[in-house]
Amino acid sequence: MGLRGTAVVVYIARMITFINRAALAFTLIALVACGDDSPPPADSGTPTDTGTPTDSGTPTDSGTPTDSGMATDSGMTTDSGMAMDGATDGATDAATDSATDGGTAALTIEWVAGITATPLADVAVEIYDVGDLGTVVGTGTSDASGIAAITFTAMPTGLYLAHATLAANHDTWFYAHENIATAPVVTGVPVISNTLWTATYGAASITETSGTGWIVVRGIEATGAAAVDMTASSDKGGTIEYLTGGALNMGASSPDGEALVLNAEAASTILTVTVGTRNAMATVMGRADATIATTIVLPAP
């Protein structure tokens, strides 16, 4: 390289050393002047490692606009069931509720004039549990078609007794032979007018005995058909008359399965209906100046 080249290199190295020392001195002077003891800026990590702008999750991960479910998942519009379920549950629950805690139409009873098919309107009906005749558990009033839909405050625990009243008619007490769940629809229960009551004694040539009443008994087969050629008896006496088409036939049996006990005692009475060698019984309570009505089912042949 030669002496001149060596001198140049040495000169350059010394200049570099001088510059580095000057820069270091300048840096120390600046730090002392500012009083900043913090680490060098490049190692603090503050600008790039805090994660605040990109990792906080606030704008995209909070879930507030899309995940709260308030608009689509709350169910307030589609899942509450208040509109759709109310329309169906209300209709179907009416019968269920009436069978448990009050309601309408668990039982309908058709009331007719005499022993005919002529419907009677405005018949007031009270329902009792046969085991508790001191408490009314249901009420209703017949419409123009003679049908009373019963509203219950409590359901009978078994068989029931229906008490019907209508001005200018004798009271009727209907003894059900089936419970409401089995037979919720009853047809053709007679209400006897004062006029028909008196005329019937005249037609049968019988004198009415004070303190007695009537018992109307209908015999049916297990199929529901009328018990043809039925006869009837009562353990408390009275006069048995048989009916055809709702009128006295003055015969020894009824082709329609209907019999009438006139001057029936106001006492517990056992009724027996017979067709051939088959018979069936029921117990009712006779009442003065009132009609007792019941149905007795014969055993199958």
C-alpha atoms as a PDB file:
ATOM      1  CA  MET A   1       0.000   0.000   0.000  1.00  0.00           C
ATOM      2  CA  GLY A   2       2.919   2.370   0.729  1.00  0.00           C
ATOM      3  CA  LEU A   3       3.514   4.897   3.464  1.00  0.00           C
ATOM      4  CA  ARG A   4       1.085   7.431   2.056  1.00  0.00           C
ATOM      5  CA  GLY A   5      -1.780   4.908   1.851  1.00  0.00           C
ATOM      6  CA  THR A   6      -1.192   3.730   5.394  1.00  0.00           C
ATOM      7  CA  ALA A   7      -1.340   7.271   6.669  1.00  0.00           C
ATOM      8  CA  VAL A   8      -4.676   7.851   4.941  1.00  0.00           C
ATOM      9  CA  VAL A   9      -6.250   4.737   6.501  1.00  0.00           C
ATOM     10  CA  VAL A  10      -5.078   5.699   9.936  1.00  0.00           C
ATOM     11  CA  TYR A  11      -6.475   9.161   9.420  1.00  0.00           C
ATOM     12  CA  ILE A  12      -9.894   7.803   8.407  1.00  0.00           C
ATOM     13  CA  ALA A  13     -10.062   5.415  11.400  1.00  0.00           C
ATOM     14  CA  ARG A  14      -9.309   8.225  13.758  1.00  0.00           C
ATOM     15  CA  MET A  15     -12.011  10.370  12.188  1.00  0.00           C
ATOM     16  CA  ILE A  16     -14.570   7.572  12.603  1.00  0.00           C
ATOM     17  CA  THR A  17     -13.609   7.120  16.238  1.00  0.00           C
ATOM     18  CA  PHE A  18     -13.940  10.866  16.776  1.00  0.00           C
ATOM     19  CA  ILE A  19     -17.374  10.979  15.156  1.00  0.00           C
ATOM     20  CA  ASN A  20     -18.694   8.043  17.239  1.00  0.00           C
ATOM     21  CA  ARG A  21     -17.435   9.635  20.443  1.00  0.00           C
ATOM     22  CA  ALA A  22     -19.029  12.943  19.493  1.00  0.00           C
ATOM     23  CA  ALA A  23     -22.374  11.240  18.786  1.00  0.00           C
ATOM     24  CA  LEU A  24     -22.318   9.408  22.117  1.00  0.00           C
ATOM     25  CA  ALA A  25     -21.490  12.603  23.937  1.00  0.00           C
ATOM     26  CA  PHE A  26     -24.364  14.390  22.196  1.00  0.00           C
ATOM     27  CA  THR A  27     -26.786  11.627  23.218  1.00  0.00           C
ATOM     28  CA  LEU A  28     -25.711  11.748  26.863  1.00  0.00           C
ATOM     29  CA  ILE A  29     -26.035  15.503  26.919  1.00  0.00           C
ATOM     30  CA  ALA A  30     -29.587  15.243  25.502  1.00  0.00           C
ATOM     31  CA  LEU A  31     -30.640  12.673  28.079  1.00  0.00           C
ATOM     32  CA  VAL A  32     -29.331  14.715  30.950  1.00  0.00           C
ATOM     33  CA  ALA A  33     -31.073  17.800  29.654  1.00  0.00           C
ATOM     34  CA  CYS A  34     -34.495  16.015  29.334  1.00  0.00           C
ATOM     35  CA  GLY A  35     -34.254  14.034  32.538  1.00  0.00           C
ATOM     36  CA  ASP A  36     -35.701  10.962  30.757  1.00  0.00           C
ATOM     37  CA  ASP A  37     -34.529   7.731  32.409  1.00  0.00           C
ATOM     38  CA  SER A  38     -36.763   5.471  30.337  1.00  0.00           C
ATOM     39  CA  PRO A  39     -35.258   2.785  28.147  1.00  0.00           C
ATOM     40  CA  PRO A  40     -34.387   3.598  24.585  1.00  0.00           C
ATOM     41  CA  PRO A  41     -37.388   4.122  22.304  1.00  0.00           C
ATOM     42  CA  ALA A  42     -36.658   1.172  20.096  1.00  0.00           C
ATOM     43  CA  ASP A  43     -37.005  -1.320  22.968  1.00  0.00           C
ATOM     44  CA  SER A  44     -40.089   0.049  24.758  1.00  0.00           C
ATOM     45  CA  GLY A  45     -42.475  -1.882  22.519  1.00  0.00           C
ATOM     46  CA  THR A  46     -45.169   0.691  23.127  1.00  0.00           C
ATOM     47  CA  PRO A  47     -46.116   1.495  19.532  1.00  0.00           C
ATOM     48  CA  THR A  48     -46.215  -2.037  18.173  1.00  0.00           C
ATOM     49  CA  ASP A  49     -46.784  -4.467  21.076  1.00  0.00           C
ATOM     50  CA  THR A  50     -49.603  -2.955  23.205  1.00  0.00           C
ATOM     51  CA  GLY A  51     -52.204  -4.555  20.973  1.00  0.00           C
ATOM     52  CA  THR A  52     -54.646  -1.773  21.749  1.00  0.00           C
ATOM     53  CA  PRO A  53     -55.761  -0.875  18.213  1.00  0.00           C
ATOM     54  CA  THR A  54     -55.960  -4.341  16.753  1.00  0.00           C
ATOM     55  CA  ASP A  55     -56.303  -6.849  19.634  1.00  0.00           C
ATOM     56  CA  SER A  56     -58.794  -5.198  22.029  1.00  0.00           C
ATOM     57  CA  GLY A  57     -61.633  -6.788  20.087  1.00  0.00           C
ATOM     58  CA  THR A  58     -63.905  -3.827  20.784  1.00  0.00           C
ATOM     59  CA  PRO A  59     -65.045  -3.044  17.234  1.00  0.00           C
ATOM     60  CA  THR A  60     -65.370  -6.573  15.855  1.00  0.00           C
ATOM     61  CA  ASP A  61     -65.569  -9.041  18.769  1.00  0.00           C
ATOM     62  CA  SER A  62     -67.948  -7.388  21.267  1.00  0.00           C
ATOM     63  CA  GLY A  63     -70.845  -9.086  19.516  1.00  0.00           C
ATOM     64  CA  THR A  64     -73.179  -6.211  20.297  1.00  0.00           C
ATOM     65  CA  PRO A  65     -74.657  -5.650  16.810  1.00  0.00           C
ATOM     66  CA  THR A  66     -74.881  -9.261  15.619  1.00  0.00           C
ATOM     67  CA  ASP A  67     -74.705 -11.630  18.601  1.00  0.00           C
ATOM     68  CA  SER A  68     -76.996 -10.088  21.261  1.00  0.00           C
ATOM     69  CA  GLY A  69     -79.955 -11.903  19.757  1.00  0.00           C
ATOM     70  CA  MET A  70     -82.302  -9.057  20.636  1.00  0.00           C
ATOM     71  CA  ALA A  71     -83.516  -8.743  17.066  1.00  0.00           C
ATOM     72  CA  THR A  72     -83.585 -12.367  15.920  1.00  0.00           C
ATOM     73  CA  ASP A  73     -83.161 -14.666  18.917  1.00  0.00           C
ATOM     74  CA  SER A  74     -85.227 -13.103  21.708  1.00  0.00           C
ATOM     75  CA  GLY A  75     -88.304 -14.813  20.360  1.00  0.00           C
ATOM     76  CA  MET A  76     -90.443 -11.817  21.235  1.00  0.00           C
ATOM     77  CA  THR A  77     -91.937 -11.762  17.757  1.00  0.00           C
ATOM     78  CA  THR A  78     -91.951 -15.387  16.624  1.00  0.00           C
ATOM     79  CA  ASP A  79     -91.254 -17.637  19.607  1.00  0.00           C
ATOM     80  CA  SER A  80     -93.346 -16.243  22.466  1.00  0.00           C
ATOM     81  CA  GLY A  81     -96.326 -18.223  21.301  1.00  0.00           C
ATOM     82  CA  MET A  82     -98.700 -15.551  22.538  1.00  0.00           C
ATOM     83  CA  ALA A  83    -100.384 -15.145  19.178  1.00  0.00           C
ATOM     84  CA  MET A  84    -100.052 -18.560  17.547  1.00  0.00           C
ATOM     85  CA  ASP A  85    -100.227 -20.768  20.620  1.00  0.00           C
ATOM     86  CA  GLY A  86    -102.914 -18.669  22.217  1.00  0.00           C
ATOM     87  CA  ALA A  87    -105.167 -19.283  19.254  1.00  0.00           C
ATOM     88  CA  THR A  88    -104.812 -23.039  19.485  1.00  0.00           C
ATOM     89  CA  ASP A  89    -104.245 -23.651  23.168  1.00  0.00           C
ATOM     90  CA  GLY A  90    -107.144 -21.449  24.166  1.00  0.00           C
ATOM     91  CA  ALA A  91    -109.519 -23.454  22.034  1.00  0.00           C
ATOM     92  CA  THR A  92    -108.297 -26.869  23.088  1.00  0.00           C
ATOM     93  CA  ASP A  93    -107.883 -25.977  26.743  1.00  0.00           C
ATOM     94  CA  ALA A  94    -111.494 -24.935  27.231  1.00  0.00           C
ATOM     95  CA  ALA A  95    -112.626 -28.543  27.661  1.00  0.00           C
ATOM     96  CA  THR A  96    -109.554 -29.514  29.658  1.00  0.00           C
ATOM     97  CA  ASP A  97    -109.894 -26.563  31.988  1.00  0.00           C
ATOM     98  CA  SER A  98    -113.531 -27.226  32.534  1.00  0.00           C
ATOM     99  CA  ALA A  99    -112.608 -30.737  33.578  1.00  0.00           C
ATOM    100  CA  THR A 100    -110.085 -29.474  36.074  1.00  0.00           C
ATOM    101  CA  ASP A 101    -110.540 -25.925  37.231  1.00  0.00           C
ATOM    102  CA  GLY A 102    -113.672 -24.501  35.646  1.00  0.00           C
ATOM    103  CA  GLY A 103    -114.832 -23.970  32.055  1.00  0.00           C
ATOM    104  CA  THR A 104    -117.627 -24.507  29.552  1.00  0.00           C
ATOM    105  CA  ALA A 105    -118.906 -27.338  27.329  1.00  0.00           C
ATOM    106  CA  ALA A 106    -117.516 -30.376  29.104  1.00  0.00           C
ATOM    107  CA  LEU A 107    -121.180 -31.401  29.395  1.00  0.00           C
ATOM    108  CA  THR A 108    -124.274 -30.585  27.358  1.00  0.00           C
ATOM    109  CA  ILE A 109    -127.780 -31.729  28.259  1.00  0.00           C
ATOM    110  CA  GLU A 110    -130.805 -31.540  25.983  1.00  0.00           C
ATOM    111  CA  TRP A 111    -134.118 -30.859  27.730  1.00  0.00           C
ATOM    112  CA  VAL A 112    -137.417 -31.730  26.038  1.00  0.00           C
ATOM    113  CA  ALA A 113    -141.085 -31.142  26.707  1.00  0.00           C
ATOM    114  CA  GLY A 114    -142.647 -34.210  28.273  1.00  0.00           C
ATOM    115  CA  ILE A 115    -141.340 -37.468  26.840  1.00  0.00           C
ATOM    116  CA  THR A 116    -141.048 -36.128  23.309  1.00  0.00           C
ATOM    117  CA  ALA A 117    -138.439 -34.622  21.037  1.00  0.00           C
ATOM    118  CA  THR A 118    -139.713 -31.042  21.386  1.00  0.00           C
ATOM    119  CA  PRO A 119    -136.859 -28.890  22.774  1.00  0.00           C
ATOM    120  CA  LEU A 120    -137.379 -26.578  25.736  1.00  0.00           C
ATOM    121  CA  ALA A 121    -135.596 -23.247  26.013  1.00  0.00           C
ATOM    122  CA  ASP A 122    -134.767 -21.347  29.215  1.00  0.00           C
ATOM    123  CA  VAL A 123    -134.477 -24.419  31.417  1.00  0.00           C
ATOM    124  CA  ALA A 124    -132.201 -23.497  34.334  1.00  0.00           C
ATOM    125  CA  VAL A 125    -129.849 -26.327  35.271  1.00  0.00           C
ATOM    126  CA  GLU A 126    -127.769 -26.998  38.376  1.00  0.00           C
ATOM    127  CA  ILE A 127    -125.283 -29.866  38.598  1.00  0.00           C
ATOM    128  CA  TYR A 128    -124.425 -31.752  41.794  1.00  0.00           C
ATOM    129  CA  ASP A 129    -121.995 -34.492  42.604  1.00  0.00           C
ATOM    130  CA  VAL A 130    -124.101 -37.494  43.606  1.00  0.00           C
ATOM    131  CA  GLY A 131    -121.918 -37.761  46.697  1.00  0.00           C
ATOM    132  CA  ASP A 132    -122.605 -34.140  47.731  1.00  0.00           C
ATOM    133  CA  LEU A 133    -126.089 -32.804  47.053  1.00  0.00           C
ATOM    134  CA  GLY A 134    -125.418 -29.712  49.143  1.00  0.00           C
ATOM    135  CA  THR A 135    -122.989 -28.097  46.701  1.00  0.00           C
ATOM    136  CA  VAL A 136    -123.743 -26.855  43.181  1.00  0.00           C
ATOM    137  CA  VAL A 137    -120.706 -27.594  40.983  1.00  0.00           C
ATOM    138  CA  GLY A 138    -122.068 -26.503  37.606  1.00  0.00           C
ATOM    139  CA  THR A 139    -124.798 -24.400  36.007  1.00  0.00           C
ATOM    140  CA  GLY A 140    -126.307 -23.722  32.612  1.00  0.00           C
ATOM    141  CA  THR A 141    -129.457 -22.619  30.767  1.00  0.00           C
ATOM    142  CA  SER A 142    -130.928 -24.303  27.726  1.00  0.00           C
ATOM    143  CA  ASP A 143    -131.021 -22.429  24.426  1.00  0.00           C
ATOM    144  CA  ALA A 144    -133.666 -22.512  21.691  1.00  0.00           C
ATOM    145  CA  SER A 145    -132.555 -26.029  20.738  1.00  0.00           C
ATOM    146  CA  GLY A 146    -133.088 -27.205  24.313  1.00  0.00           C
ATOM    147  CA  ILE A 147    -129.363 -27.676  24.936  1.00  0.00           C
ATOM    148  CA  ALA A 148    -127.709 -26.407  28.091  1.00  0.00           C
ATOM    149  CA  ALA A 149    -123.907 -26.153  28.017  1.00  0.00           C
ATOM    150  CA  ILE A 150    -122.732 -26.547  31.587  1.00  0.00           C
ATOM    151  CA  THR A 151    -120.108 -24.330  33.178  1.00  0.00           C
ATOM    152  CA  PHE A 152    -118.351 -26.005  36.090  1.00  0.00           C
ATOM    153  CA  THR A 153    -116.700 -24.551  39.176  1.00  0.00           C
ATOM    154  CA  ALA A 154    -115.610 -28.062  40.150  1.00  0.00           C
ATOM    155  CA  MET A 155    -116.040 -31.374  38.388  1.00  0.00           C
ATOM    156  CA  PRO A 156    -118.094 -34.193  39.920  1.00  0.00           C
ATOM    157  CA  THR A 157    -115.850 -36.976  41.161  1.00  0.00           C
ATOM    158  CA  GLY A 158    -118.110 -39.625  39.642  1.00  0.00           C
ATOM    159  CA  LEU A 159    -121.757 -39.663  38.604  1.00  0.00           C
ATOM    160  CA  TYR A 160    -123.710 -36.434  38.768  1.00  0.00           C
ATOM    161  CA  LEU A 161    -127.265 -35.231  39.383  1.00  0.00           C
ATOM    162  CA  ALA A 162    -128.827 -32.472  37.263  1.00  0.00           C
ATOM    163  CA  HIS A 163    -131.651 -30.350  38.670  1.00  0.00           C
ATOM    164  CA  ALA A 164    -133.789 -28.555  36.054  1.00  0.00           C
ATOM    165  CA  THR A 165    -136.364 -25.843  36.697  1.00  0.00           C
ATOM    166  CA  LEU A 166    -138.703 -23.958  34.381  1.00  0.00           C
ATOM    167  CA  ALA A 167    -141.764 -21.873  35.166  1.00  0.00           C
ATOM    168  CA  ALA A 168    -145.100 -23.736  34.814  1.00  0.00           C
ATOM    169  CA  ASN A 169    -143.278 -27.087  34.898  1.00  0.00           C
ATOM    170  CA  HIS A 170    -142.448 -29.600  37.609  1.00  0.00           C
ATOM    171  CA  ASP A 171    -138.787 -29.824  38.573  1.00  0.00           C
ATOM    172  CA  THR A 172    -136.766 -32.612  36.988  1.00  0.00           C
ATOM    173  CA  TRP A 173    -133.882 -34.410  38.721  1.00  0.00           C
ATOM    174  CA  PHE A 174    -131.791 -36.338  36.228  1.00  0.00           C
ATOM    175  CA  TYR A 175    -129.580 -39.163  37.534  1.00  0.00           C
ATOM    176  CA  ALA A 176    -126.714 -39.739  35.110  1.00  0.00           C
ATOM    177  CA  HIS A 177    -125.804 -43.379  34.511  1.00  0.00           C
ATOM    178  CA  GLU A 178    -122.347 -42.490  33.146  1.00  0.00           C
ATOM    179  CA  ASN A 179    -119.747 -39.967  34.185  1.00  0.00           C
ATOM    180  CA  ILE A 180    -119.028 -36.865  32.125  1.00  0.00           C
ATOM    181  CA  ALA A 181    -115.812 -38.150  30.578  1.00  0.00           C
ATOM    182  CA  THR A 182    -117.660 -41.181  29.197  1.00  0.00           C
ATOM    183  CA  ALA A 183    -120.893 -39.431  28.170  1.00  0.00           C
ATOM    184  CA  PRO A 184    -120.367 -35.674  27.712  1.00  0.00           C
ATOM    185  CA  VAL A 185    -123.528 -35.304  25.597  1.00  0.00           C
ATOM    186  CA  VAL A 186    -126.952 -36.184  27.012  1.00  0.00           C
ATOM    187  CA  THR A 187    -130.170 -36.012  24.992  1.00  0.00           C
ATOM    188  CA  GLY A 188    -133.906 -36.123  25.586  1.00  0.00           C
ATOM    189  CA  VAL A 189    -134.228 -35.469  29.339  1.00  0.00           C
ATOM    190  CA  PRO A 190    -137.925 -34.785  30.055  1.00  0.00           C
ATOM    191  CA  VAL A 191    -139.428 -31.774  31.768  1.00  0.00           C
ATOM    192  CA  ILE A 192    -143.121 -32.276  32.654  1.00  0.00           C
ATOM    193  CA  SER A 193    -145.443 -29.308  32.411  1.00  0.00           C
ATOM    194  CA  ASN A 194    -148.116 -28.761  35.050  1.00  0.00           C
ATOM    195  CA  THR A 195    -150.766 -29.383  32.386  1.00  0.00           C
ATOM    196  CA  LEU A 196    -149.264 -32.691  31.226  1.00  0.00           C
ATOM    197  CA  TRP A 197    -148.784 -33.808  34.824  1.00  0.00           C
ATOM    198  CA  THR A 198    -152.460 -33.470  35.608  1.00  0.00           C
ATOM    199  CA  ALA A 199    -153.618 -34.854  32.246  1.00  0.00           C
ATOM    200  CA  THR A 200    -151.497 -37.989  32.636  1.00  0.00           C
ATOM    201  CA  TYR A 201    -153.167 -38.977  35.896  1.00  0.00           C
ATOM    202  CA  GLY A 202    -156.494 -38.493  34.166  1.00  0.00           C
ATOM    203  CA  ALA A 203    -155.475 -40.584  31.152  1.00  0.00           C
ATOM    204  CA  ALA A 204    -154.256 -43.398  33.421  1.00  0.00           C
ATOM    205  CA  SER A 205    -157.407 -43.144  35.563  1.00  0.00           C
ATOM    206  CA  ILE A 206    -155.241 -42.767  38.660  1.00  0.00           C
ATOM    207  CA  THR A 207    -155.689 -40.379  41.570  1.00  0.00           C
ATOM    208  CA  GLU A 208    -152.589 -38.445  42.460  1.00  0.00           C
ATOM    209  CA  THR A 209    -151.296 -39.165  45.944  1.00  0.00           C
ATOM    210  CA  SER A 210    -150.061 -36.130  47.873  1.00  0.00           C
ATOM    211  CA  GLY A 211    -146.340 -36.087  48.594  1.00  0.00           C
ATOM    212  CA  THR A 212    -145.427 -38.358  45.688  1.00  0.00           C
ATOM    213  CA  GLY A 213    -143.840 -37.741  42.307  1.00  0.00           C
ATOM    214  CA  TRP A 214    -142.890 -39.334  39.027  1.00  0.00           C
ATOM    215  CA  ILE A 215    -140.015 -41.516  37.875  1.00  0.00           C
ATOM    216  CA  VAL A 216    -139.298 -41.704  34.160  1.00  0.00           C
ATOM    217  CA  VAL A 217    -136.973 -44.590  33.362  1.00  0.00           C
ATOM    218  CA  ARG A 218    -135.449 -45.377  29.995  1.00  0.00           C
ATOM    219  CA  GLY A 219    -133.917 -48.775  29.279  1.00  0.00           C
ATOM    220  CA  ILE A 220    -131.233 -49.118  26.625  1.00  0.00           C
ATOM    221  CA  GLU A 221    -129.044 -51.876  25.294  1.00  0.00           C
ATOM    222  CA  ALA A 222    -125.276 -51.812  25.617  1.00  0.00           C
ATOM    223  CA  THR A 223    -125.212 -50.619  21.999  1.00  0.00           C
ATOM    224  CA  GLY A 224    -127.318 -47.570  22.901  1.00  0.00           C
ATOM    225  CA  ALA A 225    -130.444 -48.867  21.167  1.00  0.00           C
ATOM    226  CA  ALA A 226    -133.810 -48.789  22.930  1.00  0.00           C
ATOM    227  CA  ALA A 227    -134.595 -51.830  25.056  1.00  0.00           C
ATOM    228  CA  VAL A 228    -137.477 -53.221  23.032  1.00  0.00           C
ATOM    229  CA  ASP A 229    -140.394 -54.743  24.980  1.00  0.00           C
ATOM    230  CA  MET A 230    -138.960 -53.586  28.286  1.00  0.00           C
ATOM    231  CA  THR A 231    -140.808 -53.971  31.571  1.00  0.00           C
ATOM    232  CA  ALA A 232    -140.015 -52.139  34.810  1.00  0.00           C
ATOM    233  CA  SER A 233    -140.606 -52.398  38.552  1.00  0.00           C
ATOM    234  CA  SER A 234    -140.009 -50.342  41.690  1.00  0.00           C
ATOM    235  CA  ASP A 235    -139.309 -51.607  45.185  1.00  0.00           C
ATOM    236  CA  LYS A 236    -141.358 -48.699  46.585  1.00  0.00           C
ATOM    237  CA  GLY A 237    -144.530 -49.409  44.662  1.00  0.00           C
ATOM    238  CA  GLY A 238    -146.339 -46.782  42.629  1.00  0.00           C
ATOM    239  CA  THR A 239    -148.167 -47.391  39.374  1.00  0.00           C
ATOM    240  CA  ILE A 240    -146.121 -48.477  36.351  1.00  0.00           C
ATOM    241  CA  GLU A 241    -147.224 -47.180  32.979  1.00  0.00           C
ATOM    242  CA  TYR A 242    -145.496 -47.855  29.651  1.00  0.00           C
ATOM    243  CA  LEU A 243    -144.923 -45.449  26.819  1.00  0.00           C
ATOM    244  CA  THR A 244    -144.961 -45.609  23.046  1.00  0.00           C
ATOM    245  CA  GLY A 245    -143.887 -42.503  21.166  1.00  0.00           C
ATOM    246  CA  GLY A 246    -143.916 -40.544  24.415  1.00  0.00           C
ATOM    247  CA  ALA A 247    -147.556 -41.347  25.258  1.00  0.00           C
ATOM    248  CA  LEU A 248    -149.169 -43.910  27.559  1.00  0.00           C
ATOM    249  CA  ASN A 249    -149.863 -47.134  25.689  1.00  0.00           C
ATOM    250  CA  MET A 250    -151.840 -48.793  28.479  1.00  0.00           C
ATOM    251  CA  GLY A 251    -149.978 -52.006  27.689  1.00  0.00           C
ATOM    252  CA  ALA A 252    -147.750 -54.435  29.619  1.00  0.00           C
ATOM    253  CA  SER A 253    -144.398 -53.305  28.159  1.00  0.00           C
ATOM    254  CA  SER A 254    -142.786 -50.584  26.096  1.00  0.00           C
ATOM    255  CA  PRO A 255    -141.524 -51.111  22.555  1.00  0.00           C
ATOM    256  CA  ASP A 256    -139.491 -47.902  23.054  1.00  0.00           C
ATOM    257  CA  GLY A 257    -137.896 -48.953  26.335  1.00  0.00           C
ATOM    258  CA  GLU A 258    -139.672 -46.217  28.333  1.00  0.00           C
ATOM    259  CA  ALA A 259    -141.669 -46.562  31.527  1.00  0.00           C
ATOM    260  CA  LEU A 260    -143.296 -44.157  33.968  1.00  0.00           C
ATOM    261  CA  VAL A 261    -143.817 -44.672  37.687  1.00  0.00           C
ATOM    262  CA  LEU A 262    -146.719 -42.569  38.912  1.00  0.00           C
ATOM    263  CA  ASN A 263    -147.214 -41.815  42.630  1.00  0.00           C
ATOM    264  CA  ALA A 264    -143.585 -42.713  43.257  1.00  0.00           C
ATOM    265  CA  GLU A 265    -142.607 -42.353  46.905  1.00  0.00           C
ATOM    266  CA  ALA A 266    -140.267 -39.592  48.017  1.00  0.00           C
ATOM    267  CA  ALA A 267    -137.698 -42.129  49.159  1.00  0.00           C
ATOM    268  CA  SER A 268    -134.678 -44.086  47.976  1.00  0.00           C
ATOM    269  CA  THR A 269    -136.001 -46.365  45.251  1.00  0.00           C
ATOM    270  CA  ILE A 270    -134.514 -49.344  43.434  1.00  0.00           C
ATOM    271  CA  LEU A 271    -135.671 -49.566  39.824  1.00  0.00           C
ATOM    272  CA  THR A 272    -135.359 -52.729  37.758  1.00  0.00           C
ATOM    273  CA  VAL A 273    -135.777 -52.982  34.003  1.00  0.00           C
ATOM    274  CA  THR A 274    -136.128 -56.320  32.234  1.00  0.00           C
ATOM    275  CA  VAL A 275    -136.043 -57.592  28.677  1.00  0.00           C
ATOM    276  CA  GLY A 276    -136.642 -61.348  28.448  1.00  0.00           C
ATOM    277  CA  THR A 277    -134.296 -62.941  30.966  1.00  0.00           C
ATOM    278  CA  ARG A 278    -131.971 -59.935  31.170  1.00  0.00           C
ATOM    279  CA  ASN A 279    -132.338 -57.208  33.738  1.00  0.00           C
ATOM    280  CA  ALA A 280    -130.494 -54.287  35.286  1.00  0.00           C
ATOM    281  CA  MET A 281    -131.075 -52.010  38.283  1.00  0.00           C
ATOM    282  CA  ALA A 282    -130.472 -48.460  39.437  1.00  0.00           C
ATOM    283  CA  THR A 283    -131.132 -46.571  42.662  1.00  0.00           C
ATOM    284  CA  VAL A 284    -132.674 -43.100  42.678  1.00  0.00           C
ATOM    285  CA  MET A 285    -134.185 -40.798  45.291  1.00  0.00           C
ATOM    286  CA  GLY A 286    -137.867 -40.093  44.705  1.00  0.00           C
ATOM    287  CA  ARG A 287    -139.077 -36.535  45.342  1.00  0.00           C
ATOM    288  CA  ALA A 288    -142.516 -35.058  45.977  1.00  0.00           C
ATOM    289  CA  ASP A 289    -144.047 -33.114  43.080  1.00  0.00           C
ATOM    290  CA  ALA A 290    -140.962 -33.652  40.930  1.00  0.00           C
ATOM    291  CA  THR A 291    -139.860 -35.878  38.085  1.00  0.00           C
ATOM    292  CA  ILE A 292    -136.940 -38.245  38.531  1.00  0.00           C
ATOM    293  CA  ALA A 293    -135.370 -39.267  35.230  1.00  0.00           C
ATOM    294  CA  THR A 294    -132.695 -41.875  34.650  1.00  0.00           C
ATOM    295  CA  THR A 295    -131.379 -44.375  32.102  1.00  0.00           C
ATOM    296  CA  ILE A 296    -130.551 -48.007  32.825  1.00  0.00           C
ATOM    297  CA  VAL A 297    -128.272 -50.040  30.579  1.00  0.00           C
ATOM    298  CA  LEU A 298    -129.109 -53.726  30.102  1.00  0.00           C
ATOM    299  CA  PRO A 299    -126.357 -56.317  29.842  1.00  0.00           C
ATOM    300  CA  ALA A 300    -125.614 -57.648  26.373  1.00  0.00           C
ATOM    301  CA  PRO A 301    -127.539 -60.809  25.378  1.00  0.00           C
END
